[in-house]
Each structure stands twice: as C-alpha cells, then as structure tokens.
Amino acid sequence: MSLSKLLSTYKTLSENSSDYDTDTEKNIQQSFYKDNGSYTFSGLFSLDDLENIKDDKITKLMLKNIKLVNTEMYIILNWMYMYNRCDNLTKLHIQGIRLPTSFFEMLHNHPKLTDVAVRDSNVTCYDIEGLRLNTTIKRIDLSGNKRLSYLSFLHLLPNLSYLDLSDTNIDDTSLQYISMLKKLQVLVLCDTHVSDVLIKHINNLKELRELDICNTCISNEGYQSLIPYIPNLYYHNDVF
C-alpha cells in the first residue's frame, strides 16, 4: 500500500470517528524541519509532509509535542518501517508524545541506533520494553516520565554508557538491573526515590564516572560513602 493510499485510509477512518480534526489535513500549522539528515516534527504538522520525504539517509529523528490520533500514528509507523525510511537512524528523540509499544519493538530493525531519548512522554516500563531488542543503544534518556517506576530490561543493553532517569518514579527495585550495566559511565537519578540501597550496587559499576543523586532518598552519610568512588558526584537534598 502506498503512502498516499494510507493517507486516504486515514481520512476515511477519521471522518467517521470522534477523533477527526479538520485542522489535521486542512489549514494546518506546519512545523517540519530538515537539516543534513536530521528531521524534526513538532507541534502540528501535515501528514502530507511525509510523502515528500525521499531521503533514505535519515540519521536523526525528533518527534516533539505532536498531537496525533491513533490513525495518524498508524501512518507514521508505516512510513518509518514499511518503507525503510530510517535504515541509517542513529539518534531518536521523542518528547511529549506517548507512542505505542509496537514503535519501540521495531527499533531492533535499526542496528545503527545508539541514542534514544523519550522525555516527558508519560510512558511506562511496558511501553518502552521493546528497547531491550536493540543492543547497540549506548545512550538512553527517560527523564520526566512520572509513570516510570521500574526498568527490568536494562541488563539486556550491554553497551549502555549513559542513563538518565531523572524526575521519574524509579526506586530501589530497579537498582539490581542498573548494576549489571558494566559499561555505564553516566547515571542521572536526581528527583527519584532511590535510597542508600544504591551504595551496595555502585561497586559493580566499575566504569561509572558521573552520578547525580540530587533530591533523592539518599542520606548525607550515604553520599559521603560514595565520594571516594565517583569522580563527579552531584548531591543536594530538598527531600528531608
């Protein structure tokens, strides 16, 4: 099925549903930007823009604060994966939009992908569990996802060197998985619920060079015990 037919299918489905918004296809505010293999979609954009993209060397893709209904998401997924538009994708940044689980499950089709950010998108561990299928990922930023309370798949990402879990509901239950990341160099846990339990797991992270534990449940005594092991340690606490 061509993309033009998918667009036609979207219109047919949407016009018969309560989700239909004429601004999606008519009089729409476009916010689409391309720069040297980097594509950014933000706010409201026309789905017709997708049909005009012929570049098969997309290296960076950002989806930011996009207002989409389910049928529109179906079109984007088909554009990205069925038509192999992102074979060279190395960086994927998502902000303010909750994507379906199937989106992340298909990322393993992109062996060059190393940098993934899903910020402020209201995702759960179940939503993003598909990331475990792509072992090439080196950087993950999941900051600002308040529904994120545990991550049981992290140990399946052996090349992960950077992990940002700030401003989430992560607690001590995820530390055992984090401690298995032998190549981890930067760990950001500020504004989470981790406690002094973290201390016993730090010894397993031999490559860790930077740790942010600001505004956590870690005590001052716990912080002092970490100082000899972490070259760049950030700590201040407004919790107590």
Protein backbone atom coordinates (compact mmCIF):
# COMPACT_ATOMS: atom_id res chain seq x y z
CA MET A 1 0.00 0.00 0.00
CA SER A 2 1.42 3.40 -0.98
CA LEU A 3 1.63 6.25 1.48
CA SER A 4 -0.95 8.21 -0.50
CA LYS A 5 -3.39 5.32 0.00
CA LEU A 6 -2.57 5.28 3.70
CA LEU A 7 -3.37 8.96 3.88
CA SER A 8 -6.64 8.30 2.09
CA THR A 9 -7.39 5.49 4.55
CA TYR A 10 -6.70 7.84 7.44
CA LYS A 11 -9.15 10.41 6.11
CA THR A 12 -11.86 7.79 5.65
CA LEU A 13 -11.36 6.36 9.15
CA SER A 14 -11.07 9.74 10.84
CA GLU A 15 -14.08 11.33 9.20
CA ASN A 16 -16.21 8.55 10.67
CA SER A 17 -14.78 8.84 14.16
CA SER A 18 -14.94 11.30 17.04
CA ASP A 19 -11.18 11.80 16.74
CA TYR A 20 -11.40 13.59 13.42
CA ASP A 21 -9.97 17.08 13.41
CA THR A 22 -10.14 19.04 10.17
CA ASP A 23 -7.06 21.00 11.22
CA THR A 24 -5.02 17.83 10.75
CA GLU A 25 -5.48 17.91 6.98
CA LYS A 26 -6.71 21.46 6.32
CA ASN A 27 -5.34 24.84 7.33
CA ILE A 28 -2.71 23.14 9.42
CA GLN A 29 0.22 24.81 11.14
CA GLN A 30 3.28 23.07 9.74
CA SER A 31 6.26 22.51 11.95
CA PHE A 32 8.67 20.35 10.00
CA TYR A 33 12.39 20.85 9.80
CA LYS A 34 15.21 19.09 7.99
CA ASP A 35 18.92 19.70 8.35
CA ASN A 36 21.62 17.41 6.93
CA GLY A 37 19.92 14.09 7.63
CA SER A 38 18.17 15.36 10.75
CA TYR A 39 14.38 15.57 10.75
CA THR A 40 12.25 17.28 13.37
CA PHE A 41 8.48 17.10 13.61
CA SER A 42 6.90 19.24 16.32
CA GLY A 43 3.51 20.65 17.23
CA LEU A 44 1.04 20.12 14.42
CA PHE A 45 2.37 19.06 11.03
CA SER A 46 0.78 17.92 7.81
CA LEU A 47 0.86 14.20 7.17
CA ASP A 48 1.36 15.07 3.52
CA ASP A 49 4.88 16.16 4.50
CA LEU A 50 5.81 12.51 4.92
CA GLU A 51 5.07 11.77 1.30
CA ASN A 52 7.52 14.46 0.21
CA ILE A 53 10.47 12.98 2.10
CA LYS A 54 12.61 10.99 -0.31
CA ASP A 55 15.82 10.92 1.71
CA ASP A 56 16.65 7.35 2.76
CA LYS A 57 19.64 8.51 4.83
CA ILE A 58 17.80 9.91 7.81
CA THR A 59 20.25 9.81 10.72
CA LYS A 60 18.38 11.79 13.37
CA LEU A 61 14.65 11.97 14.03
CA MET A 62 12.82 14.06 16.61
CA LEU A 63 9.10 13.81 17.39
CA LYS A 64 8.16 16.63 19.77
CA ASN A 65 4.78 17.53 21.28
CA ILE A 66 2.88 16.15 18.30
CA LYS A 67 -0.88 15.94 18.64
CA LEU A 68 -1.91 12.70 16.94
CA VAL A 69 -4.86 10.34 16.95
CA ASN A 70 -4.41 6.59 16.56
CA THR A 71 -4.92 6.53 12.80
CA GLU A 72 -2.24 9.18 12.29
CA MET A 73 0.19 7.17 14.37
CA TYR A 74 -0.54 4.18 12.16
CA ILE A 75 0.56 6.20 9.13
CA ILE A 76 3.79 7.38 10.74
CA LEU A 77 4.72 3.84 11.79
CA ASN A 78 4.17 2.61 8.26
CA TRP A 79 6.20 5.46 6.85
CA MET A 80 9.12 4.74 9.16
CA TYR A 81 9.23 0.99 8.99
CA MET A 82 7.40 -0.44 6.00
CA TYR A 83 9.21 1.95 3.68
CA ASN A 84 12.61 1.64 5.43
CA ARG A 85 12.98 5.39 5.75
CA CYS A 86 15.26 5.11 8.77
CA ASP A 87 17.79 2.44 7.91
CA ASN A 88 20.61 4.82 8.86
CA LEU A 89 18.97 6.18 12.00
CA THR A 90 21.47 6.80 14.82
CA LYS A 91 19.52 9.16 17.07
CA LEU A 92 15.82 9.14 18.01
CA HIS A 93 14.43 11.80 20.34
CA ILE A 94 10.80 11.85 21.46
CA GLN A 95 9.25 14.45 23.73
CA GLY A 96 5.71 14.99 24.95
CA ILE A 97 4.14 12.18 22.94
CA ARG A 98 3.21 8.67 24.06
CA LEU A 99 3.96 6.19 21.31
CA PRO A 100 2.60 2.61 21.15
CA THR A 101 4.64 -0.34 22.39
CA SER A 102 4.99 -1.58 18.81
CA PHE A 103 7.00 1.54 17.95
CA PHE A 104 9.81 0.60 20.33
CA GLU A 105 9.65 -3.09 19.47
CA MET A 106 10.52 -2.26 15.88
CA LEU A 107 13.65 -0.32 16.79
CA HIS A 108 15.71 -3.50 16.61
CA ASN A 109 15.44 -3.15 12.84
CA HIS A 110 17.84 -0.21 13.12
CA PRO A 111 21.26 -1.60 14.06
CA LYS A 112 22.92 1.84 13.85
CA LEU A 113 20.68 3.36 16.52
CA THR A 114 22.77 4.37 19.55
CA ASP A 115 20.97 7.34 21.13
CA VAL A 116 17.35 7.22 22.35
CA ALA A 117 15.55 9.90 24.35
CA VAL A 118 11.91 9.60 25.43
CA ARG A 119 11.28 12.63 27.62
CA ASP A 120 8.09 13.83 29.33
CA SER A 121 6.03 11.32 27.40
CA ASN A 122 4.04 9.61 30.19
CA VAL A 123 5.44 6.19 29.26
CA THR A 124 5.56 3.11 31.47
CA CYS A 125 8.12 0.31 31.55
CA TYR A 126 5.75 -1.79 29.46
CA ASP A 127 5.57 0.91 26.77
CA ILE A 128 9.33 1.07 26.23
CA GLU A 129 10.27 -2.54 26.94
CA GLY A 130 10.87 -3.01 23.23
CA LEU A 131 14.15 -1.10 23.64
CA ARG A 132 15.67 -4.31 25.01
CA LEU A 133 15.74 -5.69 21.45
CA ASN A 134 18.33 -3.15 20.30
CA THR A 135 21.63 -3.96 21.99
CA THR A 136 23.51 -1.24 20.09
CA ILE A 137 21.96 1.55 22.19
CA LYS A 138 24.58 3.49 24.17
CA ARG A 139 22.53 6.42 25.50
CA ILE A 140 19.03 6.45 26.97
CA ASP A 141 17.23 9.49 28.39
CA LEU A 142 13.86 8.71 30.03
CA SER A 143 13.63 11.85 32.15
CA GLY A 144 10.30 13.35 33.15
CA ASN A 145 8.19 10.20 32.79
CA LYS A 146 6.24 10.14 36.04
CA ARG A 147 4.63 6.76 35.34
CA LEU A 148 8.01 5.07 35.01
CA SER A 149 8.55 3.15 38.25
CA TYR A 150 10.80 0.23 37.32
CA LEU A 151 13.05 -0.97 34.49
CA SER A 152 13.59 -4.70 34.42
CA PHE A 153 15.10 -4.88 30.92
CA LEU A 154 18.14 -2.65 31.38
CA HIS A 155 20.56 -5.52 31.88
CA LEU A 156 19.80 -6.60 28.31
CA LEU A 157 21.54 -3.48 26.97
CA PRO A 158 25.23 -4.34 27.43
CA ASN A 159 26.58 -1.28 25.60
CA LEU A 160 24.68 1.34 27.59
CA SER A 161 27.07 4.06 28.81
CA TYR A 162 24.64 6.90 29.61
CA LEU A 163 21.34 6.60 31.50
CA ASP A 164 19.11 9.49 32.60
CA LEU A 165 16.16 8.53 34.82
CA SER A 166 15.69 11.92 36.45
CA ASP A 167 12.24 13.07 37.57
CA THR A 168 10.69 9.59 37.34
CA ASN A 169 9.24 7.24 39.98
CA ILE A 170 12.20 4.87 39.81
CA ASP A 171 13.08 3.38 43.21
CA ASP A 172 15.42 0.73 44.64
CA THR A 173 13.72 -2.13 42.78
CA SER A 174 15.49 -1.15 39.53
CA LEU A 175 18.97 -0.86 41.01
CA GLN A 176 19.79 -4.55 40.58
CA TYR A 177 19.31 -4.17 36.83
CA ILE A 178 21.25 -0.91 36.64
CA SER A 179 24.15 -2.55 38.46
CA MET A 180 24.52 -5.04 35.57
CA LEU A 181 25.43 -2.28 33.11
CA LYS A 182 29.17 -2.85 33.05
CA LYS A 183 29.88 -0.03 30.57
CA LEU A 184 27.78 2.62 32.32
CA GLN A 185 29.70 5.88 32.72
CA VAL A 186 26.98 8.43 33.49
CA LEU A 187 23.94 7.80 35.69
CA VAL A 188 21.37 10.50 36.45
CA LEU A 189 18.96 9.64 39.28
CA CYS A 190 18.01 13.09 40.58
CA ASP A 191 14.41 13.53 41.68
CA THR A 192 13.80 9.78 42.01
CA HIS A 193 13.05 7.55 45.01
CA VAL A 194 16.33 5.65 45.27
CA SER A 195 17.80 5.30 48.76
CA ASP A 196 21.06 4.25 50.39
CA VAL A 197 20.46 0.81 48.87
CA LEU A 198 22.22 2.29 45.83
CA ILE A 199 25.55 2.19 47.65
CA LYS A 200 25.89 -1.60 47.58
CA HIS A 201 25.25 -1.64 43.83
CA ILE A 202 27.76 1.06 42.90
CA ASN A 203 30.73 -1.28 43.32
CA ASN A 204 29.53 -3.24 40.29
CA LEU A 205 29.72 -0.16 38.08
CA LYS A 206 33.47 -0.01 37.54
CA GLU A 207 33.25 2.46 34.64
CA LEU A 208 30.93 4.94 36.37
CA ARG A 209 32.41 8.45 36.27
CA GLU A 210 29.40 10.67 36.90
CA LEU A 211 26.44 10.23 39.27
CA ASP A 212 23.64 12.69 40.01
CA ILE A 213 21.65 11.85 43.17
CA CYS A 214 20.20 15.29 43.92
CA ASN A 215 16.80 15.24 45.62
CA THR A 216 16.66 11.52 46.26
CA CYS A 217 16.18 9.49 49.44
CA ILE A 218 19.93 9.01 49.83
CA SER A 219 21.18 10.24 53.19
CA ASN A 220 24.13 12.53 53.76
CA GLU A 221 26.01 9.53 55.20
CA GLY A 222 25.28 7.60 52.03
CA TYR A 223 26.55 10.48 49.93
CA GLN A 224 29.77 10.67 51.95
CA SER A 225 30.40 6.95 51.40
CA LEU A 226 30.15 7.40 47.63
CA ILE A 227 32.64 10.25 47.34
CA PRO A 228 35.77 8.03 47.10
CA TYR A 229 34.32 6.01 44.22
CA ILE A 230 32.73 8.59 41.90
CA PRO A 231 34.89 11.34 40.32
CA ASN A 232 31.88 13.55 39.51
CA LEU A 233 29.23 13.23 42.20
CA TYR A 234 26.28 15.64 42.45
CA TYR A 235 24.24 15.79 45.63
CA HIS A 236 21.90 18.18 47.38
CA ASN A 237 18.72 17.14 49.07
CA ASP A 238 15.44 19.00 49.46
CA VAL A 239 13.53 15.82 50.30
CA PHE A 240 14.14 15.82 54.04
